[in-house]
N, C-alpha and C. Protein backbone atom coordinates (compact mmCIF):
# COMPACT_ATOMS: atom_id res chain seq x y z
N GLY A 1 0.74 -1.19 0.00
CA GLY A 1 0.00 0.00 0.00
C GLY A 1 0.79 1.27 0.00
N GLY A 2 1.97 1.37 0.67
CA GLY A 2 2.67 2.64 0.78
C GLY A 2 3.16 3.18 -0.55
N ARG A 3 3.58 2.30 -1.43
CA ARG A 3 4.11 2.72 -2.73
C ARG A 3 3.05 3.47 -3.54
N ARG A 4 1.83 2.96 -3.55
CA ARG A 4 0.76 3.60 -4.30
C ARG A 4 0.49 5.01 -3.76
N GLY A 5 0.49 5.17 -2.44
CA GLY A 5 0.28 6.49 -1.83
C GLY A 5 1.36 7.47 -2.25
N GLU A 6 2.62 6.99 -2.32
CA GLU A 6 3.73 7.85 -2.74
C GLU A 6 3.53 8.29 -4.19
N GLU A 7 3.08 7.38 -5.05
CA GLU A 7 2.85 7.72 -6.46
C GLU A 7 1.74 8.76 -6.58
N GLN A 8 0.67 8.59 -5.82
CA GLN A 8 -0.43 9.56 -5.87
C GLN A 8 0.04 10.93 -5.39
N GLN A 9 0.82 10.96 -4.32
CA GLN A 9 1.31 12.23 -3.79
C GLN A 9 2.21 12.91 -4.82
N ARG A 10 3.09 12.17 -5.46
CA ARG A 10 3.99 12.73 -6.47
C ARG A 10 3.18 13.30 -7.64
N ASP A 11 2.13 12.60 -8.06
CA ASP A 11 1.29 13.08 -9.15
C ASP A 11 0.62 14.40 -8.77
N GLN A 12 0.17 14.52 -7.54
CA GLN A 12 -0.49 15.76 -7.10
C GLN A 12 0.49 16.92 -7.11
N VAL A 13 1.72 16.70 -6.71
CA VAL A 13 2.72 17.76 -6.71
C VAL A 13 3.02 18.21 -8.13
N GLU A 14 3.13 17.28 -9.07
CA GLU A 14 3.42 17.62 -10.45
C GLU A 14 2.30 18.42 -11.10
N VAL A 15 1.06 18.23 -10.65
CA VAL A 15 -0.08 18.93 -11.22
C VAL A 15 -0.24 20.32 -10.61
N ALA A 16 0.35 20.56 -9.42
CA ALA A 16 0.22 21.85 -8.75
C ALA A 16 0.75 22.97 -9.64
N PRO A 17 0.06 24.12 -9.65
CA PRO A 17 0.51 25.23 -10.50
C PRO A 17 1.86 25.76 -10.03
N ASP A 18 2.66 26.20 -10.97
CA ASP A 18 3.99 26.75 -10.68
C ASP A 18 3.85 28.26 -10.51
N ILE A 19 3.42 28.68 -9.31
CA ILE A 19 3.19 30.09 -9.06
C ILE A 19 3.85 30.48 -7.75
N MET A 20 4.52 31.62 -7.74
CA MET A 20 5.21 32.11 -6.55
C MET A 20 4.19 32.78 -5.62
N PRO A 21 4.46 32.79 -4.31
CA PRO A 21 3.51 33.39 -3.37
C PRO A 21 3.13 34.84 -3.70
N LEU A 22 4.09 35.68 -4.08
CA LEU A 22 3.75 37.07 -4.40
C LEU A 22 2.90 37.16 -5.65
N GLU A 23 3.11 36.25 -6.59
CA GLU A 23 2.26 36.22 -7.79
C GLU A 23 0.83 35.86 -7.40
N LEU A 24 0.68 34.95 -6.45
CA LEU A 24 -0.64 34.57 -5.98
C LEU A 24 -1.34 35.75 -5.33
N VAL A 25 -0.62 36.48 -4.47
CA VAL A 25 -1.20 37.66 -3.83
C VAL A 25 -1.56 38.70 -4.89
N ASP A 26 -0.67 38.92 -5.85
CA ASP A 26 -0.93 39.90 -6.92
C ASP A 26 -2.17 39.53 -7.72
N SER A 27 -2.39 38.24 -7.94
CA SER A 27 -3.55 37.81 -8.71
C SER A 27 -4.86 38.04 -7.95
N CYS A 28 -4.77 38.32 -6.65
CA CYS A 28 -5.97 38.55 -5.83
C CYS A 28 -6.36 40.02 -5.74
N ILE A 29 -5.57 40.92 -6.30
CA ILE A 29 -5.91 42.35 -6.24
C ILE A 29 -7.28 42.56 -6.87
N GLY A 30 -8.14 43.28 -6.16
CA GLY A 30 -9.50 43.51 -6.60
C GLY A 30 -10.48 42.47 -6.11
N SER A 31 -9.98 41.42 -5.45
CA SER A 31 -10.84 40.35 -4.95
C SER A 31 -11.03 40.48 -3.44
N LYS A 32 -12.14 39.95 -2.95
CA LYS A 32 -12.37 39.89 -1.52
C LYS A 32 -11.52 38.75 -0.97
N ILE A 33 -10.73 39.04 0.08
CA ILE A 33 -9.87 38.03 0.68
C ILE A 33 -10.16 37.94 2.18
N TRP A 34 -9.77 36.84 2.76
CA TRP A 34 -9.94 36.57 4.18
C TRP A 34 -8.55 36.36 4.76
N ILE A 35 -8.18 37.19 5.74
CA ILE A 35 -6.85 37.13 6.36
C ILE A 35 -7.00 36.62 7.78
N VAL A 36 -6.26 35.58 8.12
CA VAL A 36 -6.27 35.01 9.47
C VAL A 36 -4.95 35.38 10.12
N MET A 37 -5.03 36.15 11.20
CA MET A 37 -3.83 36.60 11.91
C MET A 37 -3.40 35.54 12.93
N ARG A 38 -2.21 35.70 13.46
CA ARG A 38 -1.71 34.75 14.47
C ARG A 38 -2.41 34.93 15.80
N ASN A 39 -2.94 36.15 16.05
CA ASN A 39 -3.68 36.36 17.29
C ASN A 39 -5.12 35.92 17.07
N GLU A 40 -6.05 36.45 17.78
CA GLU A 40 -7.45 36.01 17.69
C GLU A 40 -8.25 36.82 16.67
N LYS A 41 -7.58 37.49 15.71
CA LYS A 41 -8.28 38.35 14.77
C LYS A 41 -8.26 37.80 13.35
N GLU A 42 -9.33 38.12 12.62
CA GLU A 42 -9.43 37.80 11.20
C GLU A 42 -10.01 39.03 10.51
N PHE A 43 -9.62 39.24 9.26
CA PHE A 43 -10.11 40.38 8.49
C PHE A 43 -10.63 39.89 7.14
N VAL A 44 -11.72 40.48 6.69
CA VAL A 44 -12.24 40.22 5.34
C VAL A 44 -12.34 41.57 4.66
N GLY A 45 -11.78 41.68 3.46
CA GLY A 45 -11.85 42.93 2.72
C GLY A 45 -11.37 42.74 1.29
N VAL A 46 -11.49 43.80 0.51
CA VAL A 46 -11.05 43.77 -0.88
C VAL A 46 -9.60 44.21 -0.94
N LEU A 47 -8.74 43.37 -1.52
CA LEU A 47 -7.32 43.67 -1.63
C LEU A 47 -7.10 44.73 -2.70
N ARG A 48 -6.51 45.87 -2.32
CA ARG A 48 -6.24 46.95 -3.27
C ARG A 48 -4.77 47.04 -3.64
N GLY A 49 -3.88 46.53 -2.78
CA GLY A 49 -2.45 46.56 -3.09
C GLY A 49 -1.63 45.96 -1.96
N PHE A 50 -0.32 45.82 -2.23
CA PHE A 50 0.59 45.30 -1.22
C PHE A 50 2.01 45.70 -1.59
N ASP A 51 2.93 45.61 -0.62
CA ASP A 51 4.33 45.94 -0.90
C ASP A 51 5.19 44.68 -0.83
N GLU A 52 6.51 44.87 -0.94
CA GLU A 52 7.42 43.72 -0.97
C GLU A 52 7.45 42.95 0.35
N PHE A 53 6.95 43.56 1.44
CA PHE A 53 6.88 42.88 2.73
C PHE A 53 5.50 42.26 2.95
N VAL A 54 4.64 42.34 1.96
CA VAL A 54 3.27 41.85 1.96
C VAL A 54 2.40 42.58 2.99
N ASN A 55 2.74 43.86 3.27
CA ASN A 55 1.81 44.74 3.97
C ASN A 55 0.70 45.00 2.97
N MET A 56 -0.53 44.85 3.39
CA MET A 56 -1.65 44.92 2.45
C MET A 56 -2.51 46.16 2.67
N VAL A 57 -3.06 46.66 1.58
CA VAL A 57 -4.05 47.74 1.61
C VAL A 57 -5.39 47.09 1.28
N LEU A 58 -6.33 47.19 2.22
CA LEU A 58 -7.64 46.58 2.05
C LEU A 58 -8.71 47.67 2.07
N GLU A 59 -9.80 47.40 1.39
CA GLU A 59 -10.94 48.30 1.35
C GLU A 59 -12.18 47.52 1.78
N ASP A 60 -13.15 48.23 2.35
CA ASP A 60 -14.41 47.60 2.76
C ASP A 60 -14.11 46.44 3.72
N VAL A 61 -13.45 46.76 4.85
CA VAL A 61 -12.91 45.75 5.76
C VAL A 61 -13.84 45.48 6.94
N THR A 62 -13.99 44.21 7.27
CA THR A 62 -14.68 43.77 8.47
C THR A 62 -13.69 42.96 9.30
N GLU A 63 -13.62 43.29 10.60
CA GLU A 63 -12.73 42.60 11.52
C GLU A 63 -13.55 41.65 12.38
N TYR A 64 -13.03 40.45 12.56
CA TYR A 64 -13.66 39.45 13.43
C TYR A 64 -12.65 39.12 14.52
N GLU A 65 -13.06 39.29 15.79
CA GLU A 65 -12.16 39.02 16.91
C GLU A 65 -12.83 38.07 17.88
N GLU A 66 -12.11 37.00 18.21
CA GLU A 66 -12.62 36.03 19.16
C GLU A 66 -12.31 36.51 20.57
N THR A 67 -13.33 36.66 21.39
CA THR A 67 -13.17 37.09 22.78
C THR A 67 -13.82 36.05 23.69
N PRO A 68 -13.60 36.16 24.99
CA PRO A 68 -14.24 35.22 25.91
C PRO A 68 -15.77 35.26 25.82
N ASP A 69 -16.32 36.40 25.38
CA ASP A 69 -17.78 36.55 25.27
C ASP A 69 -18.32 36.15 23.90
N GLY A 70 -17.45 35.72 23.01
CA GLY A 70 -17.88 35.35 21.67
C GLY A 70 -17.12 36.14 20.61
N ILE A 71 -17.62 36.08 19.39
CA ILE A 71 -16.94 36.77 18.28
C ILE A 71 -17.49 38.18 18.14
N VAL A 72 -16.58 39.16 18.14
CA VAL A 72 -16.96 40.56 17.97
C VAL A 72 -16.70 40.93 16.52
N VAL A 73 -17.72 41.46 15.84
CA VAL A 73 -17.61 41.86 14.43
C VAL A 73 -17.60 43.37 14.38
N THR A 74 -16.55 43.94 13.72
CA THR A 74 -16.40 45.38 13.62
C THR A 74 -16.19 45.76 12.17
N LYS A 75 -17.03 46.67 11.67
CA LYS A 75 -16.85 47.21 10.31
C LYS A 75 -15.87 48.37 10.46
N LEU A 76 -14.72 48.29 9.76
CA LEU A 76 -13.66 49.31 9.89
C LEU A 76 -13.85 50.41 8.85
N ASP A 77 -13.69 51.65 9.30
CA ASP A 77 -13.76 52.79 8.39
C ASP A 77 -12.38 53.03 7.77
N GLN A 78 -12.39 53.71 6.64
CA GLN A 78 -11.12 53.99 5.93
C GLN A 78 -10.32 55.03 6.68
């Protein structure tokens, strides 16, 4: 059984698109994206731009924060 699993995994890797992470981010400009931070926060907004450090400019942003009382949803102003 293990050999077949290795062959399937290798086939999946060969089919994966050859795209760099920054190209992937660039292809999302103008799209609504969901960002999950390392802390308890998440953001949903439209990606308008980014720099070489992947600092992002978002528009129409909603912040979701997990607190002891539940999830707090905040619509962020520009």
